[in-house]
Amino acid sequence: MTEQKRDELRTDEAVPPSIEGSVFVGPDGVKKVLRRRPPLLEIESLNVIFGENQVLRDITLKIRRGETVAIIGESGCGKTVLLKTMIGLVAPTTGRVFFKGQDLSELSDKKLTEARSHYGFVFQMAALFDSMTIEENVSFPLRQHHKEMSKRAIKERVEYLLEEVGLNPRVVSAKTPSEISGGMRKRVGFARALAMDPEIMLYDEPTTGLDPIMSDVVNELMINARDRHHVAGVLVTHDMKSAVKVANRLIMLYPHALLDSDEPQMIFDGTADEIWRCSDKRVSQFIRGEAGERIRDMSMED
């Protein structure tokens, strides 16, 4: 990859300090530390095994408030499984997942549901309800979790959220998902994810199937959620342009079956600038889209 292309994939503007615990220089020229609290989400020695197939091995990870982390890696390396463990949809075989200090495996169904209300989810295919209007889709979590809200308050909230993602409520509210474009459906899904004022957003391949312009619209929405709403984020993606533009930190997983017994599955954890300088051939080949020796590896897997 050329230096010019690499520069295009980097963020042009510095992200204002919003990550708890980060050090920054204030207007007075004095170094300061942004308020530090325990991690919002913490994964401790996580292993996930399905039958005889180990998908995740010894994953330890902390996500701070205000931070967006991109999880990258080739198909089948466990990215989506890791995302599902973060909300308790997949239980660890061993290890623990903490949200705001609570071990998800120890929560009752009621408490787990309450904890999940602090998450926002943006799915790969938007996952809207086909039989509902756009207004009903966006208002769904509010109607489920805030039954005390009046219809008028819900309607105003939905209109605000649709405008937040660049949609005109008067145009789209009464339509169904089949009556709007794929890019618009993605934005409706984003609006729904923001409805509950989440503390953390989980993004599962949010730019898949979108053209470059609409992909960048989604990127800007993720940046806006972090910088304007101070929402932490976990982004699972193959899109390096999105990962580099949106994330403060990138983590790369490697398929468990291709690792030596003493190798960590997280083969990279660092910033966008650091990943371009990474000496691990597996990392450099992935971020540049070069198959290299993976063709031979794949034939051995078969």
Protein backbone atom coordinates (compact mmCIF):
# COMPACT_ATOMS: atom_id res chain seq x y z
CA MET A 1 0.00 0.00 0.00
CA THR A 2 1.36 3.44 -0.91
CA GLU A 3 1.99 6.21 1.61
CA GLN A 4 -0.71 8.27 -0.10
CA LYS A 5 -3.28 5.50 0.28
CA ARG A 6 -2.23 4.93 3.88
CA ASP A 7 -2.69 8.63 4.66
CA GLU A 8 -6.18 8.51 3.13
CA LEU A 9 -7.13 5.83 5.63
CA ARG A 10 -5.98 7.87 8.60
CA THR A 11 -8.14 10.31 10.49
CA ASP A 12 -7.39 13.86 9.41
CA GLU A 13 -8.67 15.56 12.53
CA ALA A 14 -7.62 14.85 16.09
CA VAL A 15 -10.41 13.46 18.24
CA PRO A 16 -11.06 15.72 21.24
CA PRO A 17 -10.19 14.08 24.57
CA SER A 18 -13.19 12.04 25.69
CA ILE A 19 -11.71 8.73 26.86
CA GLU A 20 -11.62 8.39 30.62
CA GLY A 21 -8.10 8.18 31.94
CA SER A 22 -6.53 9.80 28.87
CA VAL A 23 -3.90 12.52 29.32
CA PHE A 24 -4.31 15.80 27.44
CA VAL A 25 -2.99 19.33 27.50
CA GLY A 26 -5.55 21.93 28.56
CA PRO A 27 -5.94 25.46 27.15
CA ASP A 28 -3.61 26.67 29.89
CA GLY A 29 -0.84 24.37 28.63
CA VAL A 30 -1.02 22.11 31.70
CA LYS A 31 -1.22 18.33 31.35
CA LYS A 32 -4.41 16.90 32.78
CA VAL A 33 -6.00 13.47 33.16
CA LEU A 34 -9.63 13.02 32.15
CA ARG A 35 -11.77 11.59 34.95
CA ARG A 36 -10.89 7.96 35.56
CA ARG A 37 -13.37 5.31 36.68
CA PRO A 38 -13.32 1.49 36.43
CA PRO A 39 -13.68 0.22 32.83
CA LEU A 40 -17.19 0.32 31.42
CA LEU A 41 -16.74 -3.16 29.96
CA GLU A 42 -14.14 -5.68 31.04
CA ILE A 43 -13.41 -9.16 29.68
CA GLU A 44 -11.25 -11.39 31.81
CA SER A 45 -9.49 -14.57 30.58
CA LEU A 46 -12.35 -15.41 28.22
CA ASN A 47 -12.54 -18.78 26.48
CA VAL A 48 -15.45 -19.90 24.29
CA ILE A 49 -15.66 -23.49 23.05
CA PHE A 50 -18.47 -24.99 20.97
CA GLY A 51 -18.21 -28.77 21.16
CA GLU A 52 -14.65 -29.53 20.09
CA ASN A 53 -14.20 -26.18 18.36
CA GLN A 54 -12.48 -23.45 20.34
CA VAL A 55 -13.43 -20.04 18.96
CA LEU A 56 -11.97 -17.65 21.53
CA ARG A 57 -8.93 -18.27 23.71
CA ASP A 58 -7.76 -16.29 26.72
CA ILE A 59 -9.18 -12.91 25.69
CA THR A 60 -8.59 -10.12 28.21
CA LEU A 61 -9.87 -6.69 27.25
CA LYS A 62 -10.96 -3.42 28.88
CA ILE A 63 -13.10 -0.74 27.25
CA ARG A 64 -13.22 2.67 28.86
CA ARG A 65 -16.01 5.24 28.75
CA GLY A 66 -15.73 7.43 25.66
CA GLU A 67 -13.55 4.93 23.78
CA THR A 68 -14.32 3.27 20.46
CA VAL A 69 -12.56 -0.05 19.84
CA ALA A 70 -12.51 -1.74 16.44
CA ILE A 71 -12.21 -5.52 16.38
CA ILE A 72 -10.75 -6.68 13.08
CA GLY A 73 -9.64 -10.02 11.67
CA GLU A 74 -10.54 -12.43 8.93
CA SER A 75 -13.84 -14.32 8.78
CA GLY A 76 -14.13 -17.08 11.34
CA CYS A 77 -11.71 -15.63 13.90
CA GLY A 78 -14.44 -15.09 16.52
CA LYS A 79 -15.21 -11.37 16.21
CA THR A 80 -19.00 -11.69 16.29
CA VAL A 81 -18.84 -14.34 19.02
CA LEU A 82 -16.79 -11.91 21.11
CA LEU A 83 -19.39 -9.21 20.49
CA LYS A 84 -22.15 -11.58 21.67
CA THR A 85 -20.30 -12.39 24.89
CA MET A 86 -20.28 -8.67 25.68
CA ILE A 87 -24.06 -8.68 26.09
CA GLY A 88 -24.49 -12.17 27.51
CA LEU A 89 -25.91 -13.78 24.38
CA VAL A 90 -23.01 -16.25 24.39
CA ALA A 91 -21.84 -17.49 27.78
CA PRO A 92 -18.10 -17.91 28.38
CA THR A 93 -16.88 -21.49 28.65
CA THR A 94 -14.42 -20.06 31.14
CA GLY A 95 -13.63 -16.47 32.08
CA ARG A 96 -15.89 -13.55 32.94
CA VAL A 97 -17.48 -10.49 31.34
CA PHE A 98 -18.17 -7.44 33.48
CA PHE A 99 -20.38 -4.47 32.58
CA LYS A 100 -20.03 -1.57 35.02
CA GLY A 101 -18.50 -3.98 37.49
CA GLN A 102 -21.30 -6.56 37.24
CA ASP A 103 -20.48 -10.11 36.18
CA LEU A 104 -23.06 -10.81 33.45
CA SER A 105 -23.08 -14.54 34.23
CA GLU A 106 -24.27 -13.84 37.78
CA LEU A 107 -27.21 -11.62 36.83
CA SER A 108 -30.81 -12.81 36.90
CA ASP A 109 -32.78 -12.60 33.66
CA LYS A 110 -34.41 -9.41 34.92
CA LYS A 111 -31.09 -7.81 35.87
CA LEU A 112 -29.50 -8.89 32.60
CA THR A 113 -32.35 -7.31 30.64
CA GLU A 114 -31.86 -4.10 32.63
CA ALA A 115 -28.12 -4.14 31.95
CA ARG A 116 -28.73 -4.61 28.22
CA SER A 117 -30.89 -1.49 28.19
CA HIS A 118 -27.63 0.46 28.58
CA TYR A 119 -26.35 -0.98 25.28
CA GLY A 120 -27.20 0.14 21.77
CA PHE A 121 -27.00 -2.33 18.89
CA VAL A 122 -26.42 -1.58 15.21
CA PHE A 123 -26.79 -4.80 13.25
CA GLN A 124 -25.26 -5.72 9.91
CA MET A 125 -28.61 -5.78 8.07
CA ALA A 126 -30.32 -3.17 10.31
CA ALA A 127 -32.70 -5.87 11.71
CA LEU A 128 -35.79 -3.68 11.52
CA PHE A 129 -39.28 -5.10 12.06
CA ASP A 130 -40.80 -5.44 8.58
CA SER A 131 -44.39 -5.13 9.80
CA MET A 132 -43.75 -1.87 11.69
CA THR A 133 -43.44 1.65 10.39
CA ILE A 134 -40.17 3.53 10.77
CA GLU A 135 -41.64 5.49 13.68
CA GLU A 136 -42.73 2.26 15.39
CA ASN A 137 -39.30 0.69 14.85
CA VAL A 138 -37.43 3.60 16.42
CA SER A 139 -39.88 3.93 19.29
CA PHE A 140 -39.89 0.18 20.05
CA PRO A 141 -37.28 0.23 22.86
CA LEU A 142 -38.92 3.29 24.43
CA ARG A 143 -42.32 1.62 24.45
CA GLN A 144 -40.79 -1.52 25.96
CA HIS A 145 -38.68 0.08 28.68
CA HIS A 146 -40.27 3.48 29.34
CA LYS A 147 -43.96 2.79 29.64
CA GLU A 148 -44.36 6.00 31.65
CA MET A 149 -43.52 8.12 28.58
CA SER A 150 -46.47 9.76 26.88
CA LYS A 151 -47.18 9.14 23.20
CA ARG A 152 -46.34 12.74 22.49
CA ALA A 153 -42.97 12.50 24.28
CA ILE A 154 -42.13 9.31 22.39
CA LYS A 155 -43.08 10.89 19.08
CA GLU A 156 -40.90 13.92 19.78
CA ARG A 157 -38.00 11.67 20.76
CA VAL A 158 -38.37 9.64 17.55
CA GLU A 159 -38.44 12.79 15.42
CA TYR A 160 -35.31 14.08 17.13
CA LEU A 161 -33.49 10.77 16.58
CA LEU A 162 -34.44 10.56 12.90
CA GLU A 163 -33.19 14.10 12.35
CA GLU A 164 -30.01 13.17 14.25
CA VAL A 165 -29.23 10.52 11.60
CA GLY A 166 -30.13 12.77 8.68
CA LEU A 167 -33.68 11.59 7.95
CA ASN A 168 -36.78 13.76 7.61
CA PRO A 169 -39.45 12.44 10.02
CA ARG A 170 -42.26 13.85 7.88
CA VAL A 171 -41.01 11.83 4.91
CA VAL A 172 -40.05 8.49 6.48
CA SER A 173 -42.01 8.03 9.74
CA ALA A 174 -45.06 6.37 8.19
CA LYS A 175 -43.11 4.22 5.74
CA THR A 176 -42.16 0.59 6.28
CA PRO A 177 -38.55 -0.68 5.95
CA SER A 178 -39.29 -2.12 2.50
CA GLU A 179 -40.21 1.36 1.25
CA ILE A 180 -36.85 2.96 1.99
CA SER A 181 -33.31 2.34 0.72
CA GLY A 182 -30.71 0.15 2.36
CA GLY A 183 -28.71 3.16 3.51
CA MET A 184 -31.80 4.71 5.06
CA ARG A 185 -32.58 1.44 6.85
CA LYS A 186 -29.08 1.49 8.35
CA ARG A 187 -29.68 5.00 9.66
CA VAL A 188 -33.07 4.03 11.09
CA GLY A 189 -31.33 1.16 12.88
CA PHE A 190 -28.82 3.66 14.23
CA ALA A 191 -31.60 5.95 15.44
CA ARG A 192 -33.26 3.03 17.24
CA ALA A 193 -29.94 2.11 18.87
CA LEU A 194 -29.65 5.63 20.29
CA ALA A 195 -33.21 5.72 21.61
CA MET A 196 -32.34 4.61 25.15
CA ASP A 197 -29.31 6.94 25.52
CA PRO A 198 -26.93 3.97 25.70
CA GLU A 199 -23.58 4.03 27.44
CA ILE A 200 -22.02 1.68 24.90
CA MET A 201 -22.81 0.92 21.26
CA LEU A 202 -22.07 -2.42 19.59
CA TYR A 203 -21.65 -2.23 15.81
CA ASP A 204 -21.69 -5.48 13.81
CA GLU A 205 -20.33 -4.77 10.29
CA PRO A 206 -22.41 -1.56 10.02
CA THR A 207 -21.04 -0.53 6.59
CA THR A 208 -21.55 -3.90 4.86
CA GLY A 209 -23.41 -3.53 1.55
CA LEU A 210 -23.18 0.26 1.44
CA ASP A 211 -21.59 2.44 -1.22
CA PRO A 212 -18.52 4.50 -0.19
CA ILE A 213 -20.50 7.68 0.48
CA MET A 214 -23.14 5.98 2.64
CA SER A 215 -20.41 4.02 4.42
CA ASP A 216 -18.80 7.30 5.40
CA VAL A 217 -22.17 8.64 6.58
CA VAL A 218 -22.33 5.67 8.97
CA ASN A 219 -18.73 6.36 10.03
CA GLU A 220 -19.68 9.94 10.87
CA LEU A 221 -22.68 8.72 12.87
CA MET A 222 -20.39 6.49 14.94
CA ILE A 223 -17.99 9.37 15.55
CA ASN A 224 -20.91 11.61 16.49
CA ALA A 225 -22.19 9.03 18.98
CA ARG A 226 -18.78 8.97 20.64
CA ASP A 227 -17.88 12.65 20.60
CA ARG A 228 -21.29 14.28 21.02
CA HIS A 229 -23.08 11.72 23.17
CA HIS A 230 -19.94 10.36 24.91
CA VAL A 231 -20.92 6.79 24.07
CA ALA A 232 -18.30 4.04 24.12
CA GLY A 233 -18.29 1.76 21.08
CA VAL A 234 -17.18 -1.67 19.90
CA LEU A 235 -16.99 -1.98 16.13
CA VAL A 236 -16.66 -5.38 14.44
CA THR A 237 -15.61 -4.79 10.84
CA HIS A 238 -13.57 -5.89 7.83
CA ASP A 239 -13.59 -2.28 6.57
CA MET A 240 -10.18 -0.84 7.38
CA LYS A 241 -11.19 2.66 6.31
CA SER A 242 -14.00 2.61 8.90
CA ALA A 243 -11.80 1.06 11.57
CA VAL A 244 -9.05 3.64 11.16
CA LYS A 245 -11.39 6.62 10.92
CA VAL A 246 -13.71 5.71 13.78
CA ALA A 247 -11.70 3.82 16.37
CA ASN A 248 -9.35 5.10 19.04
CA ARG A 249 -7.98 1.58 19.34
CA LEU A 250 -7.80 -1.46 17.05
CA ILE A 251 -7.67 -5.08 18.16
CA MET A 252 -6.93 -7.89 15.74
CA LEU A 253 -7.95 -11.49 16.38
CA TYR A 254 -6.45 -14.46 14.56
CA PRO A 255 -8.21 -17.80 13.98
CA HIS A 256 -7.57 -20.09 16.94
CA ALA A 257 -6.90 -23.10 14.70
CA LEU A 258 -3.89 -21.36 13.11
CA LEU A 259 -2.20 -20.40 16.38
CA ASP A 260 0.56 -22.23 18.19
CA SER A 261 -0.44 -23.47 21.64
CA ASP A 262 1.40 -20.63 23.40
CA GLU A 263 0.33 -17.80 21.08
CA PRO A 264 -2.22 -15.16 22.14
CA GLN A 265 -5.31 -14.85 19.95
CA MET A 266 -5.20 -11.06 20.15
CA ILE A 267 -2.22 -10.48 17.88
CA PHE A 268 -2.52 -6.68 17.90
CA ASP A 269 -3.87 -4.06 20.33
CA GLY A 270 -3.00 -0.45 19.58
CA THR A 271 -3.77 2.75 17.70
CA ALA A 272 -4.24 3.25 13.96
CA ASP A 273 -0.76 4.74 13.62
CA GLU A 274 0.76 1.80 15.48
CA ILE A 275 -0.95 -0.83 13.32
CA TRP A 276 0.74 0.50 10.17
CA ARG A 277 4.10 0.01 11.86
CA CYS A 278 3.31 -3.45 13.22
CA SER A 279 6.01 -5.98 12.31
CA ASP A 280 3.70 -9.02 12.52
CA LYS A 281 3.26 -10.22 8.93
CA ARG A 282 -0.27 -11.49 9.68
CA VAL A 283 -1.32 -8.00 10.73
CA SER A 284 0.33 -6.17 7.84
CA GLN A 285 -1.11 -8.56 5.25
CA PHE A 286 -4.62 -8.16 6.65
CA ILE A 287 -4.68 -4.36 6.81
CA ARG A 288 -3.26 -4.12 3.28
CA GLY A 289 -5.57 -6.81 1.88
CA GLU A 290 -2.76 -9.12 0.81
CA ALA A 291 -3.39 -12.87 0.86
CA GLY A 292 0.27 -13.87 1.12
CA GLU A 293 0.66 -17.29 2.70
CA ARG A 294 -3.01 -17.49 3.72
CA ILE A 295 -3.79 -19.30 0.44
CA ARG A 296 -1.54 -22.15 1.56
CA ASP A 297 -2.98 -21.99 5.11
CA MET A 298 -6.53 -22.27 3.80
CA SER A 299 -5.71 -25.37 1.79
CA MET A 300 -4.31 -26.95 4.95
CA GLU A 301 -7.53 -26.09 6.84
CA ASP A 302 -9.57 -28.02 4.24
